[in-house]
Amino acid sequence: MAVVFWIVIALIAVAAMAGGKRKTGGGGRPVRIDHPHYFDEDDHECSVCGARFRGKGMTCPKCGTRFEKTKEDDLEFIEEMEIWDGDD
């Protein structure tokens, strides 16, 4: 019986470590990461499965996760502006 207990504990520990690899908005809550673009339509990323998609929906079209909030990642926007401004 003790062996079963330790196997269950080990499985729970492994599952907890695997879950920690997700990109969430803090507190483990699923987040839609918004990626604005300088010329193109903005796209979004699921913090759970990493899918990239367009549209303002609060549900991931790939994994079905319901986002609790949004977060903006404007790094791509800044890079696009630097490239555009450098062409002058």
PDB file of N, CA and C in Angstrom:
ATOM      1  N   MET A   1       0.813  -1.191   0.000  1.00  0.00           N
ATOM      2  CA  MET A   1       0.000   0.000   0.000  1.00  0.00           C
ATOM      3  C   MET A   1       0.863   1.264   0.000  1.00  0.00           C
ATOM      4  N   ALA A   2       1.975   1.235   0.706  1.00  0.00           N
ATOM      5  CA  ALA A   2       2.867   2.392   0.768  1.00  0.00           C
ATOM      6  C   ALA A   2       3.484   2.686  -0.595  1.00  0.00           C
ATOM      7  N   VAL A   3       3.726   1.638  -1.376  1.00  0.00           N
ATOM      8  CA  VAL A   3       4.308   1.824  -2.706  1.00  0.00           C
ATOM      9  C   VAL A   3       3.346   2.605  -3.596  1.00  0.00           C
ATOM     10  N   VAL A   4       2.075   2.278  -3.550  1.00  0.00           N
ATOM     11  CA  VAL A   4       1.055   2.979  -4.338  1.00  0.00           C
ATOM     12  C   VAL A   4       1.011   4.447  -3.933  1.00  0.00           C
ATOM     13  N   PHE A   5       1.080   4.713  -2.648  1.00  0.00           N
ATOM     14  CA  PHE A   5       1.069   6.092  -2.143  1.00  0.00           C
ATOM     15  C   PHE A   5       2.220   6.892  -2.747  1.00  0.00           C
ATOM     16  N   TRP A   6       3.429   6.341  -2.730  1.00  0.00           N
ATOM     17  CA  TRP A   6       4.590   7.059  -3.246  1.00  0.00           C
ATOM     18  C   TRP A   6       4.552   7.215  -4.764  1.00  0.00           C
ATOM     19  N   ILE A   7       3.956   6.262  -5.449  1.00  0.00           N
ATOM     20  CA  ILE A   7       3.791   6.397  -6.906  1.00  0.00           C
ATOM     21  C   ILE A   7       2.845   7.550  -7.212  1.00  0.00           C
ATOM     22  N   VAL A   8       1.751   7.633  -6.477  1.00  0.00           N
ATOM     23  CA  VAL A   8       0.793   8.722  -6.675  1.00  0.00           C
ATOM     24  C   VAL A   8       1.446  10.066  -6.377  1.00  0.00           C
ATOM     25  N   ILE A   9       2.208  10.161  -5.312  1.00  0.00           N
ATOM     26  CA  ILE A   9       2.904  11.397  -4.967  1.00  0.00           C
ATOM     27  C   ILE A   9       3.887  11.786  -6.071  1.00  0.00           C
ATOM     28  N   ALA A  10       4.621  10.826  -6.608  1.00  0.00           N
ATOM     29  CA  ALA A  10       5.576  11.096  -7.685  1.00  0.00           C
ATOM     30  C   ALA A  10       4.862  11.595  -8.935  1.00  0.00           C
ATOM     31  N   LEU A  11       3.733  10.994  -9.284  1.00  0.00           N
ATOM     32  CA  LEU A  11       2.965  11.432 -10.455  1.00  0.00           C
ATOM     33  C   LEU A  11       2.431  12.850 -10.277  1.00  0.00           C
ATOM     34  N   ILE A  12       1.978  13.172  -9.084  1.00  0.00           N
ATOM     35  CA  ILE A  12       1.496  14.533  -8.824  1.00  0.00           C
ATOM     36  C   ILE A  12       2.639  15.532  -8.956  1.00  0.00           C
ATOM     37  N   ALA A  13       3.810  15.188  -8.439  1.00  0.00           N
ATOM     38  CA  ALA A  13       4.968  16.078  -8.539  1.00  0.00           C
ATOM     39  C   ALA A  13       5.375  16.303  -9.990  1.00  0.00           C
ATOM     40  N   VAL A  14       5.389  15.259 -10.797  1.00  0.00           N
ATOM     41  CA  VAL A  14       5.748  15.379 -12.217  1.00  0.00           C
ATOM     42  C   VAL A  14       4.726  16.247 -12.947  1.00  0.00           C
ATOM     43  N   ALA A  15       3.445  16.045 -12.669  1.00  0.00           N
ATOM     44  CA  ALA A  15       2.398  16.853 -13.306  1.00  0.00           C
ATOM     45  C   ALA A  15       2.526  18.320 -12.915  1.00  0.00           C
ATOM     46  N   ALA A  16       2.863  18.600 -11.687  1.00  0.00           N
ATOM     47  CA  ALA A  16       3.032  19.984 -11.235  1.00  0.00           C
ATOM     48  C   ALA A  16       4.206  20.650 -11.937  1.00  0.00           C
ATOM     49  N   MET A  17       5.294  19.927 -12.116  1.00  0.00           N
ATOM     50  CA  MET A  17       6.459  20.487 -12.802  1.00  0.00           C
ATOM     51  C   MET A  17       6.163  20.727 -14.279  1.00  0.00           C
ATOM     52  N   ALA A  18       5.448  19.837 -14.932  1.00  0.00           N
ATOM     53  CA  ALA A  18       5.116  20.000 -16.346  1.00  0.00           C
ATOM     54  C   ALA A  18       4.187  21.184 -16.527  1.00  0.00           C
ATOM     55  N   GLY A  19       3.264  21.404 -15.629  1.00  0.00           N
ATOM     56  CA  GLY A  19       2.333  22.525 -15.709  1.00  0.00           C
ATOM     57  C   GLY A  19       3.023  23.859 -15.536  1.00  0.00           C
ATOM     58  N   GLY A  20       4.165  23.893 -14.909  1.00  0.00           N
ATOM     59  CA  GLY A  20       4.893  25.132 -14.684  1.00  0.00           C
ATOM     60  C   GLY A  20       5.545  25.689 -15.932  1.00  0.00           C
ATOM     61  N   LYS A  21       5.558  24.955 -17.025  1.00  0.00           N
ATOM     62  CA  LYS A  21       6.179  25.412 -18.257  1.00  0.00           C
ATOM     63  C   LYS A  21       5.260  26.285 -19.092  1.00  0.00           C
ATOM     64  N   ARG A  22       4.010  26.420 -18.696  1.00  0.00           N
ATOM     65  CA  ARG A  22       3.076  27.242 -19.460  1.00  0.00           C
ATOM     66  C   ARG A  22       3.377  28.717 -19.262  1.00  0.00           C
ATOM     67  N   LYS A  23       3.088  29.502 -20.304  1.00  0.00           N
ATOM     68  CA  LYS A  23       3.232  30.946 -20.206  1.00  0.00           C
ATOM     69  C   LYS A  23       1.876  31.498 -19.791  1.00  0.00           C
ATOM     70  N   THR A  24       1.758  31.882 -18.548  1.00  0.00           N
ATOM     71  CA  THR A  24       0.489  32.410 -18.071  1.00  0.00           C
ATOM     72  C   THR A  24       0.693  33.824 -17.566  1.00  0.00           C
ATOM     73  N   GLY A  25      -0.380  34.474 -17.280  1.00  0.00           N
ATOM     74  CA  GLY A  25      -0.319  35.858 -16.848  1.00  0.00           C
ATOM     75  C   GLY A  25      -0.194  36.018 -15.351  1.00  0.00           C
ATOM     76  N   GLY A  26       0.342  35.066 -14.672  1.00  0.00           N
ATOM     77  CA  GLY A  26       0.477  35.155 -13.228  1.00  0.00           C
ATOM     78  C   GLY A  26      -0.654  34.417 -12.561  1.00  0.00           C
ATOM     79  N   GLY A  27      -0.352  33.686 -11.535  1.00  0.00           N
ATOM     80  CA  GLY A  27      -1.382  32.941 -10.835  1.00  0.00           C
ATOM     81  C   GLY A  27      -1.893  31.761 -11.629  1.00  0.00           C
ATOM     82  N   GLY A  28      -1.244  31.413 -12.741  1.00  0.00           N
ATOM     83  CA  GLY A  28      -1.653  30.273 -13.539  1.00  0.00           C
ATOM     84  C   GLY A  28      -2.892  30.510 -14.376  1.00  0.00           C
ATOM     85  N   ARG A  29      -3.314  31.764 -14.523  1.00  0.00           N
ATOM     86  CA  ARG A  29      -4.515  32.052 -15.292  1.00  0.00           C
ATOM     87  C   ARG A  29      -4.183  32.180 -16.771  1.00  0.00           C
ATOM     88  N   PRO A  30      -5.013  31.588 -17.642  1.00  0.00           N
ATOM     89  CA  PRO A  30      -4.743  31.677 -19.087  1.00  0.00           C
ATOM     90  C   PRO A  30      -4.905  33.106 -19.605  1.00  0.00           C
ATOM     91  N   VAL A  31      -3.978  33.512 -20.466  1.00  0.00           N
ATOM     92  CA  VAL A  31      -3.921  34.883 -20.965  1.00  0.00           C
ATOM     93  C   VAL A  31      -3.844  34.880 -22.480  1.00  0.00           C
ATOM     94  N   ARG A  32      -4.552  35.822 -23.121  1.00  0.00           N
ATOM     95  CA  ARG A  32      -4.378  36.065 -24.557  1.00  0.00           C
ATOM     96  C   ARG A  32      -3.301  37.129 -24.685  1.00  0.00           C
ATOM     97  N   ILE A  33      -2.176  36.763 -25.314  1.00  0.00           N
ATOM     98  CA  ILE A  33      -1.064  37.695 -25.485  1.00  0.00           C
ATOM     99  C   ILE A  33      -1.247  38.394 -26.825  1.00  0.00           C
ATOM    100  N   ASP A  34      -1.450  39.711 -26.773  1.00  0.00           N
ATOM    101  CA  ASP A  34      -1.678  40.494 -27.983  1.00  0.00           C
ATOM    102  C   ASP A  34      -0.346  40.961 -28.556  1.00  0.00           C
ATOM    103  N   HIS A  35      -0.172  40.764 -29.879  1.00  0.00           N
ATOM    104  CA  HIS A  35       1.030  41.193 -30.590  1.00  0.00           C
ATOM    105  C   HIS A  35       0.605  42.232 -31.628  1.00  0.00           C
ATOM    106  N   PRO A  36       0.704  43.534 -31.307  1.00  0.00           N
ATOM    107  CA  PRO A  36       0.356  44.550 -32.300  1.00  0.00           C
ATOM    108  C   PRO A  36       1.416  44.624 -33.403  1.00  0.00           C
ATOM    109  N   HIS A  37       0.985  45.034 -34.597  1.00  0.00           N
ATOM    110  CA  HIS A  37       1.905  45.188 -35.726  1.00  0.00           C
ATOM    111  C   HIS A  37       1.772  46.586 -36.297  1.00  0.00           C
ATOM    112  N   TYR A  38       2.829  47.060 -36.921  1.00  0.00           N
ATOM    113  CA  TYR A  38       2.873  48.419 -37.454  1.00  0.00           C
ATOM    114  C   TYR A  38       1.964  48.579 -38.669  1.00  0.00           C
ATOM    115  N   PHE A  39       2.007  47.626 -39.605  1.00  0.00           N
ATOM    116  CA  PHE A  39       1.192  47.724 -40.811  1.00  0.00           C
ATOM    117  C   PHE A  39       0.105  46.659 -40.876  1.00  0.00           C
ATOM    118  N   ASP A  40       0.403  45.445 -40.450  1.00  0.00           N
ATOM    119  CA  ASP A  40      -0.537  44.325 -40.556  1.00  0.00           C
ATOM    120  C   ASP A  40      -1.530  44.318 -39.391  1.00  0.00           C
ATOM    121  N   GLU A  41      -2.548  43.470 -39.557  1.00  0.00           N
ATOM    122  CA  GLU A  41      -3.525  43.251 -38.495  1.00  0.00           C
ATOM    123  C   GLU A  41      -2.833  42.601 -37.288  1.00  0.00           C
ATOM    124  N   ASP A  42      -3.243  43.004 -36.101  1.00  0.00           N
ATOM    125  CA  ASP A  42      -2.664  42.431 -34.886  1.00  0.00           C
ATOM    126  C   ASP A  42      -2.961  40.939 -34.811  1.00  0.00           C
ATOM    127  N   ASP A  43      -2.035  40.191 -34.212  1.00  0.00           N
ATOM    128  CA  ASP A  43      -2.308  38.783 -33.960  1.00  0.00           C
ATOM    129  C   ASP A  43      -2.148  38.519 -32.468  1.00  0.00           C
ATOM    130  N   HIS A  44      -2.593  37.352 -32.056  1.00  0.00           N
ATOM    131  CA  HIS A  44      -2.663  37.007 -30.644  1.00  0.00           C
ATOM    132  C   HIS A  44      -2.063  35.627 -30.440  1.00  0.00           C
ATOM    133  N   GLU A  45      -1.661  35.350 -29.202  1.00  0.00           N
ATOM    134  CA  GLU A  45      -1.034  34.075 -28.861  1.00  0.00           C
ATOM    135  C   GLU A  45      -1.700  33.509 -27.615  1.00  0.00           C
ATOM    136  N   CYS A  46      -1.935  32.213 -27.626  1.00  0.00           N
ATOM    137  CA  CYS A  46      -2.503  31.517 -26.475  1.00  0.00           C
ATOM    138  C   CYS A  46      -1.386  31.210 -25.488  1.00  0.00           C
ATOM    139  N   SER A  47      -1.586  31.572 -24.218  1.00  0.00           N
ATOM    140  CA  SER A  47      -0.563  31.313 -23.208  1.00  0.00           C
ATOM    141  C   SER A  47      -0.487  29.841 -22.815  1.00  0.00           C
ATOM    142  N   VAL A  48      -1.483  29.050 -23.207  1.00  0.00           N
ATOM    143  CA  VAL A  48      -1.505  27.639 -22.837  1.00  0.00           C
ATOM    144  C   VAL A  48      -0.838  26.773 -23.898  1.00  0.00           C
ATOM    145  N   CYS A  49      -1.285  26.879 -25.154  1.00  0.00           N
ATOM    146  CA  CYS A  49      -0.754  25.998 -26.205  1.00  0.00           C
ATOM    147  C   CYS A  49       0.216  26.705 -27.155  1.00  0.00           C
ATOM    148  N   GLY A  50       0.302  28.043 -27.085  1.00  0.00           N
ATOM    149  CA  GLY A  50       1.227  28.787 -27.921  1.00  0.00           C
ATOM    150  C   GLY A  50       0.723  29.078 -29.325  1.00  0.00           C
ATOM    151  N   ALA A  51      -0.525  28.758 -29.626  1.00  0.00           N
ATOM    152  CA  ALA A  51      -1.080  28.996 -30.966  1.00  0.00           C
ATOM    153  C   ALA A  51      -1.144  30.496 -31.251  1.00  0.00           C
ATOM    154  N   ARG A  52      -0.840  30.883 -32.495  1.00  0.00           N
ATOM    155  CA  ARG A  52      -0.969  32.267 -32.938  1.00  0.00           C
ATOM    156  C   ARG A  52      -2.217  32.354 -33.793  1.00  0.00           C
ATOM    157  N   PHE A  53      -3.021  33.408 -33.582  1.00  0.00           N
ATOM    158  CA  PHE A  53      -4.276  33.563 -34.321  1.00  0.00           C
ATOM    159  C   PHE A  53      -4.636  35.029 -34.434  1.00  0.00           C
ATOM    160  N   ARG A  54      -5.570  35.336 -35.329  1.00  0.00           N
ATOM    161  CA  ARG A  54      -6.080  36.700 -35.519  1.00  0.00           C
ATOM    162  C   ARG A  54      -7.505  36.750 -34.997  1.00  0.00           C
ATOM    163  N   GLY A  55      -8.009  37.937 -34.771  1.00  0.00           N
ATOM    164  CA  GLY A  55      -9.361  38.094 -34.245  1.00  0.00           C
ATOM    165  C   GLY A  55      -9.299  38.387 -32.751  1.00  0.00           C
ATOM    166  N   LYS A  56     -10.319  39.012 -32.223  1.00  0.00           N
ATOM    167  CA  LYS A  56     -10.308  39.464 -30.835  1.00  0.00           C
ATOM    168  C   LYS A  56     -11.025  38.521 -29.885  1.00  0.00           C
ATOM    169  N   GLY A  57     -11.259  37.285 -30.260  1.00  0.00           N
ATOM    170  CA  GLY A  57     -11.967  36.354 -29.399  1.00  0.00           C
ATOM    171  C   GLY A  57     -11.233  36.075 -28.103  1.00  0.00           C
ATOM    172  N   MET A  58     -11.961  35.697 -27.078  1.00  0.00           N
ATOM    173  CA  MET A  58     -11.379  35.380 -25.778  1.00  0.00           C
ATOM    174  C   MET A  58     -11.299  33.877 -25.560  1.00  0.00           C
ATOM    175  N   THR A  59     -11.324  33.100 -26.660  1.00  0.00           N
ATOM    176  CA  THR A  59     -11.172  31.649 -26.595  1.00  0.00           C
ATOM    177  C   THR A  59     -10.156  31.232 -27.652  1.00  0.00           C
ATOM    178  N   CYS A  60      -9.220  30.357 -27.285  1.00  0.00           N
ATOM    179  CA  CYS A  60      -8.213  29.887 -28.243  1.00  0.00           C
ATOM    180  C   CYS A  60      -8.873  28.994 -29.283  1.00  0.00           C
ATOM    181  N   PRO A  61      -8.671  29.285 -30.578  1.00  0.00           N
ATOM    182  CA  PRO A  61      -9.268  28.448 -31.611  1.00  0.00           C
ATOM    183  C   PRO A  61      -8.633  27.065 -31.714  1.00  0.00           C
ATOM    184  N   LYS A  62      -7.429  26.878 -31.171  1.00  0.00           N
ATOM    185  CA  LYS A  62      -6.752  25.586 -31.267  1.00  0.00           C
ATOM    186  C   LYS A  62      -7.096  24.663 -30.100  1.00  0.00           C
ATOM    187  N   CYS A  63      -6.917  25.158 -28.855  1.00  0.00           N
ATOM    188  CA  CYS A  63      -7.108  24.276 -27.696  1.00  0.00           C
ATOM    189  C   CYS A  63      -8.397  24.549 -26.929  1.00  0.00           C
ATOM    190  N   GLY A  64      -9.100  25.646 -27.258  1.00  0.00           N
ATOM    191  CA  GLY A  64     -10.380  25.940 -26.616  1.00  0.00           C
ATOM    192  C   GLY A  64     -10.276  26.605 -25.250  1.00  0.00           C
ATOM    193  N   THR A  65      -9.072  26.993 -24.843  1.00  0.00           N
ATOM    194  CA  THR A  65      -8.903  27.653 -23.547  1.00  0.00           C
ATOM    195  C   THR A  65      -9.628  28.986 -23.540  1.00  0.00           C
ATOM    196  N   ARG A  66     -10.340  29.269 -22.463  1.00  0.00           N
ATOM    197  CA  ARG A  66     -11.026  30.551 -22.276  1.00  0.00           C
ATOM    198  C   ARG A  66     -10.069  31.480 -21.538  1.00  0.00           C
ATOM    199  N   PHE A  67      -9.696  32.603 -22.173  1.00  0.00           N
ATOM    200  CA  PHE A  67      -8.750  33.537 -21.577  1.00  0.00           C
ATOM    201  C   PHE A  67      -9.438  34.373 -20.511  1.00  0.00           C
ATOM    202  N   GLU A  68      -8.746  34.568 -19.397  1.00  0.00           N
ATOM    203  CA  GLU A  68      -9.287  35.368 -18.312  1.00  0.00           C
ATOM    204  C   GLU A  68      -8.892  36.832 -18.426  1.00  0.00           C
ATOM    205  N   LYS A  69      -7.786  37.106 -19.127  1.00  0.00           N
ATOM    206  CA  LYS A  69      -7.362  38.488 -19.339  1.00  0.00           C
ATOM    207  C   LYS A  69      -6.432  38.558 -20.544  1.00  0.00           C
ATOM    208  N   THR A  70      -6.023  39.759 -20.888  1.00  0.00           N
ATOM    209  CA  THR A  70      -5.104  39.955 -22.005  1.00  0.00           C
ATOM    210  C   THR A  70      -3.837  40.632 -21.513  1.00  0.00           C
ATOM    211  N   LYS A  71      -2.784  40.462 -22.293  1.00  0.00           N
ATOM    212  CA  LYS A  71      -1.492  41.071 -22.000  1.00  0.00           C
ATOM    213  C   LYS A  71      -0.888  41.468 -23.339  1.00  0.00           C
ATOM    214  N   GLU A  72      -0.261  42.634 -23.424  1.00  0.00           N
ATOM    215  CA  GLU A  72       0.312  43.089 -24.682  1.00  0.00           C
ATOM    216  C   GLU A  72       1.816  42.840 -24.713  1.00  0.00           C
ATOM    217  N   ASP A  73       2.274  42.296 -25.825  1.00  0.00           N
ATOM    218  CA  ASP A  73       3.699  42.100 -26.078  1.00  0.00           C
ATOM    219  C   ASP A  73       4.019  42.887 -27.341  1.00  0.00           C
ATOM    220  N   ASP A  74       4.570  44.096 -27.181  1.00  0.00           N
ATOM    221  CA  ASP A  74       4.777  44.984 -28.322  1.00  0.00           C
ATOM    222  C   ASP A  74       6.189  44.928 -28.897  1.00  0.00           C
ATOM    223  N   LEU A  75       6.953  43.885 -28.579  1.00  0.00           N
ATOM    224  CA  LEU A  75       8.317  43.759 -29.083  1.00  0.00           C
ATOM    225  C   LEU A  75       8.352  43.728 -30.611  1.00  0.00           C
ATOM    226  N   GLU A  76       7.462  42.952 -31.228  1.00  0.00           N
ATOM    227  CA  GLU A  76       7.439  42.869 -32.695  1.00  0.00           C
ATOM    228  C   GLU A  76       7.083  44.221 -33.306  1.00  0.00           C
ATOM    229  N   PHE A  77       6.160  44.956 -32.674  1.00  0.00           N
ATOM    230  CA  PHE A  77       5.760  46.285 -33.151  1.00  0.00           C
ATOM    231  C   PHE A  77       6.961  47.230 -33.137  1.00  0.00           C
ATOM    232  N   ILE A  78       7.726  47.209 -32.053  1.00  0.00           N
ATOM    233  CA  ILE A  78       8.897  48.077 -31.935  1.00  0.00           C
ATOM    234  C   ILE A  78       9.938  47.715 -32.989  1.00  0.00           C
ATOM    235  N   GLU A  79      10.163  46.414 -33.203  1.00  0.00           N
ATOM    236  CA  GLU A  79      11.125  45.988 -34.231  1.00  0.00           C
ATOM    237  C   GLU A  79      10.684  46.434 -35.621  1.00  0.00           C
ATOM    238  N   GLU A  80       9.374  46.338 -35.922  1.00  0.00           N
ATOM    239  CA  GLU A  80       8.866  46.757 -37.214  1.00  0.00           C
ATOM    240  C   GLU A  80       9.048  48.271 -37.401  1.00  0.00           C
ATOM    241  N   MET A  81       8.820  49.045 -36.343  1.00  0.00           N
ATOM    242  CA  MET A  81       9.006  50.497 -36.433  1.00  0.00           C
ATOM    243  C   MET A  81      10.469  50.848 -36.685  1.00  0.00           C
ATOM    244  N   GLU A  82      11.384  50.138 -36.032  1.00  0.00           N
ATOM    245  CA  GLU A  82      12.806  50.404 -36.222  1.00  0.00           C
ATOM    246  C   GLU A  82      13.234  50.108 -37.652  1.00  0.00           C
ATOM    247  N   ILE A  83      12.731  49.034 -38.223  1.00  0.00           N
ATOM    248  CA  ILE A  83      13.046  48.681 -39.610  1.00  0.00           C
ATOM    249  C   ILE A  83      12.483  49.739 -40.549  1.00  0.00           C
ATOM    250  N   TRP A  84      11.220  50.143 -40.325  1.00  0.00           N
ATOM    251  CA  TRP A  84      10.566  51.122 -41.190  1.00  0.00           C
ATOM    252  C   TRP A  84      11.269  52.476 -41.104  1.00  0.00           C
ATOM    253  N   ASP A  85      11.601  52.910 -39.883  1.00  0.00           N
ATOM    254  CA  ASP A  85      12.270  54.195 -39.712  1.00  0.00           C
ATOM    255  C   ASP A  85      13.675  54.197 -40.283  1.00  0.00           C
ATOM    256  N   GLY A  86      14.293  53.027 -40.364  1.00  0.00           N
ATOM    257  CA  GLY A  86      15.651  52.938 -40.888  1.00  0.00           C
ATOM    258  C   GLY A  86      15.747  53.029 -42.387  1.00  0.00           C
ATOM    259  N   ASP A  87      14.604  52.941 -43.105  1.00  0.00           N
ATOM    260  CA  ASP A  87      14.607  52.981 -44.569  1.00  0.00           C
ATOM    261  C   ASP A  87      14.734  54.384 -45.141  1.00  0.00           C
ATOM    262  N   ASP A  88      14.590  55.419 -44.319  1.00  0.00           N
ATOM    263  CA  ASP A  88      14.615  56.802 -44.814  1.00  0.00           C
ATOM    264  C   ASP A  88      15.949  57.198 -45.327  1.00  0.00           C
TER     265      ASP A  88
END
